[in-house]
C-alpha atoms as a PDB file:
ATOM      1  CA  GLY A   1      39.630   2.863  -5.521  1.00  0.00           C
ATOM      2  CA  GLY A   2      38.880   4.853  -2.461  1.00  0.00           C
ATOM      3  CA  ARG A   3      35.691   5.803  -0.741  1.00  0.00           C
ATOM      4  CA  PRO A   4      32.789   7.318  -2.678  1.00  0.00           C
ATOM      5  CA  ASP A   5      32.074  10.981  -2.064  1.00  0.00           C
ATOM      6  CA  MET A   6      28.610  10.733  -0.550  1.00  0.00           C
ATOM      7  CA  HIS A   7      28.367  14.512  -0.170  1.00  0.00           C
ATOM      8  CA  ALA A   8      28.847  14.945  -3.932  1.00  0.00           C
ATOM      9  CA  PHE A   9      26.400  12.123  -4.580  1.00  0.00           C
ATOM     10  CA  GLY A  10      23.767  13.779  -2.382  1.00  0.00           C
ATOM     11  CA  ARG A  11      24.222  17.127  -4.120  1.00  0.00           C
ATOM     12  CA  ALA A  12      23.948  15.540  -7.575  1.00  0.00           C
ATOM     13  CA  MET A  13      20.811  13.655  -6.524  1.00  0.00           C
ATOM     14  CA  ALA A  14      19.239  16.853  -5.189  1.00  0.00           C
ATOM     15  CA  GLU A  15      20.110  18.736  -8.386  1.00  0.00           C
ATOM     16  CA  MET A  16      18.549  15.997 -10.483  1.00  0.00           C
ATOM     17  CA  HIS A  17      15.292  16.171  -8.519  1.00  0.00           C
ATOM     18  CA  MET A  18      15.187  19.964  -8.716  1.00  0.00           C
ATOM     19  CA  ALA A  19      15.577  20.020 -12.503  1.00  0.00           C
ATOM     20  CA  GLU A  20      12.756  21.426 -14.609  1.00  0.00           C
ATOM     21  CA  PRO A  21      10.741  18.445 -15.891  1.00  0.00           C
ATOM     22  CA  LEU A  22      10.409  18.034 -19.639  1.00  0.00           C
ATOM     23  CA  ASP A  23       7.280  15.872 -19.694  1.00  0.00           C
ATOM     24  CA  PRO A  24       4.031  17.902 -19.905  1.00  0.00           C
ATOM     25  CA  ASP A  25       2.351  15.762 -17.212  1.00  0.00           C
ATOM     26  CA  ALA A  26       5.275  16.248 -14.836  1.00  0.00           C
ATOM     27  CA  LYS A  27       5.161  19.979 -15.527  1.00  0.00           C
ATOM     28  CA  LYS A  28       1.517  19.913 -14.395  1.00  0.00           C
ATOM     29  CA  GLY A  29       2.678  18.481 -11.053  1.00  0.00           C
ATOM     30  CA  MET A  30       1.646  14.894 -11.685  1.00  0.00           C
ATOM     31  CA  PHE A  31       3.575  11.893 -10.389  1.00  0.00           C
ATOM     32  CA  GLY A  32       4.680   8.986 -12.584  1.00  0.00           C
ATOM     33  CA  PHE A  33       6.796   8.580 -15.664  1.00  0.00           C
ATOM     34  CA  ALA A  34       6.260   8.414 -19.409  1.00  0.00           C
ATOM     35  CA  VAL A  35       7.198   4.718 -19.564  1.00  0.00           C
ATOM     36  CA  ASP A  36       6.908   1.719 -17.271  1.00  0.00           C
ATOM     37  CA  ASN A  37      10.120   0.125 -16.028  1.00  0.00           C
ATOM     38  CA  THR A  38      11.275  -2.669 -13.750  1.00  0.00           C
ATOM     39  CA  ILE A  39      12.845  -3.255 -10.357  1.00  0.00           C
ATOM     40  CA  GLY A  40      15.114  -6.128 -11.291  1.00  0.00           C
ATOM     41  CA  GLY A  41      12.815  -8.575 -13.056  1.00  0.00           C
ATOM     42  CA  THR A  42       9.631  -7.146 -11.523  1.00  0.00           C
ATOM     43  CA  PRO A  43       7.501  -4.812 -13.654  1.00  0.00           C
ATOM     44  CA  GLN A  44       6.878  -1.355 -12.246  1.00  0.00           C
ATOM     45  CA  PRO A  45       3.956   0.621 -13.705  1.00  0.00           C
ATOM     46  CA  ASN A  46       4.356   4.406 -13.813  1.00  0.00           C
ATOM     47  CA  PRO A  47       1.005   5.896 -14.882  1.00  0.00           C
ATOM     48  CA  TRP A  48       0.646   9.621 -14.382  1.00  0.00           C
ATOM     49  CA  THR A  49      -1.206  10.201 -11.116  1.00  0.00           C
ATOM     50  CA  ASP A  50      -2.511  13.424  -9.564  1.00  0.00           C
ATOM     51  CA  ASP A  51      -0.799  13.054  -6.185  1.00  0.00           C
ATOM     52  CA  TRP A  52       2.178  11.276  -4.616  1.00  0.00           C
ATOM     53  CA  PRO A  53       0.311   9.294  -1.912  1.00  0.00           C
ATOM     54  CA  THR A  54      -2.056   7.775  -4.482  1.00  0.00           C
ATOM     55  CA  PHE A  55       0.789   7.034  -6.895  1.00  0.00           C
ATOM     56  CA  PHE A  56       2.858   5.300  -4.225  1.00  0.00           C
ATOM     57  CA  ARG A  57      -0.086   3.461  -2.659  1.00  0.00           C
ATOM     58  CA  GLU A  58      -1.557   2.182  -5.931  1.00  0.00           C
ATOM     59  CA  HIS A  59       1.405   1.794  -8.262  1.00  0.00           C
ATOM     60  CA  ARG A  60       4.211   0.848  -5.908  1.00  0.00           C
ATOM     61  CA  ILE A  61       2.912  -0.975  -2.845  1.00  0.00           C
ATOM     62  CA  GLY A  62      -0.547  -1.925  -4.138  1.00  0.00           C
ATOM     63  CA  PHE A  63       0.849  -3.286  -7.386  1.00  0.00           C
ATOM     64  CA  GLN A  64       3.299  -5.518  -5.490  1.00  0.00           C
ATOM     65  CA  VAL A  65       0.539  -6.746  -3.175  1.00  0.00           C
ATOM     66  CA  LYS A  66      -1.547  -7.749  -6.205  1.00  0.00           C
ATOM     67  CA  ARG A  67       1.443  -9.504  -7.793  1.00  0.00           C
ATOM     68  CA  ALA A  68       2.008 -11.515  -4.611  1.00  0.00           C
ATOM     69  CA  GLY A  69      -1.421 -13.142  -5.059  1.00  0.00           C
ATOM     70  CA  ARG A  70      -1.760 -13.933  -1.352  1.00  0.00           C
ATOM     71  CA  PRO A  71      -5.317 -13.530  -0.054  1.00  0.00           C
ATOM     72  CA  GLU A  72      -4.204 -12.813   3.532  1.00  0.00           C
ATOM     73  CA  LEU A  73      -1.894 -10.027   2.334  1.00  0.00           C
ATOM     74  CA  THR A  74      -4.648  -8.624   0.128  1.00  0.00           C
ATOM     75  CA  GLU A  75      -7.009  -8.446   3.117  1.00  0.00           C
ATOM     76  CA  VAL A  76      -4.457  -6.568   5.221  1.00  0.00           C
ATOM     77  CA  TRP A  77      -3.760  -4.238   2.296  1.00  0.00           C
ATOM     78  CA  LYS A  78      -7.486  -3.459   1.920  1.00  0.00           C
ATOM     79  CA  LYS A  79      -7.507  -2.321   5.569  1.00  0.00           C
ATOM     80  CA  VAL A  80      -4.462  -0.132   5.018  1.00  0.00           C
ATOM     81  CA  VAL A  81      -6.050   1.460   1.937  1.00  0.00           C
ATOM     82  CA  ALA A  82      -9.309   2.080   3.792  1.00  0.00           C
ATOM     83  CA  LYS A  83      -7.439   3.902   6.579  1.00  0.00           C
ATOM     84  CA  THR A  84      -5.241   5.932   4.249  1.00  0.00           C
ATOM     85  CA  ASP A  85      -7.686   6.864   1.500  1.00  0.00           C
END
């Protein structure tokens, strides 16, 4: 019972993200993860990528746009990529 301690949660989250990475690619400053995972039932690819914007654009948002399979969404996404590349 009771309310969660959000201050403690925030500190623990910050500590986790400041930890020394074990994976060699992460140590090199790359973004991704050694294995793919899911968000609920949706696959989530995690290939090692040189920079955060590319990782997020291609493997988070771009991947979901492709999965949607909607041509109108794909066209809008192409414009976004062109302006943010």
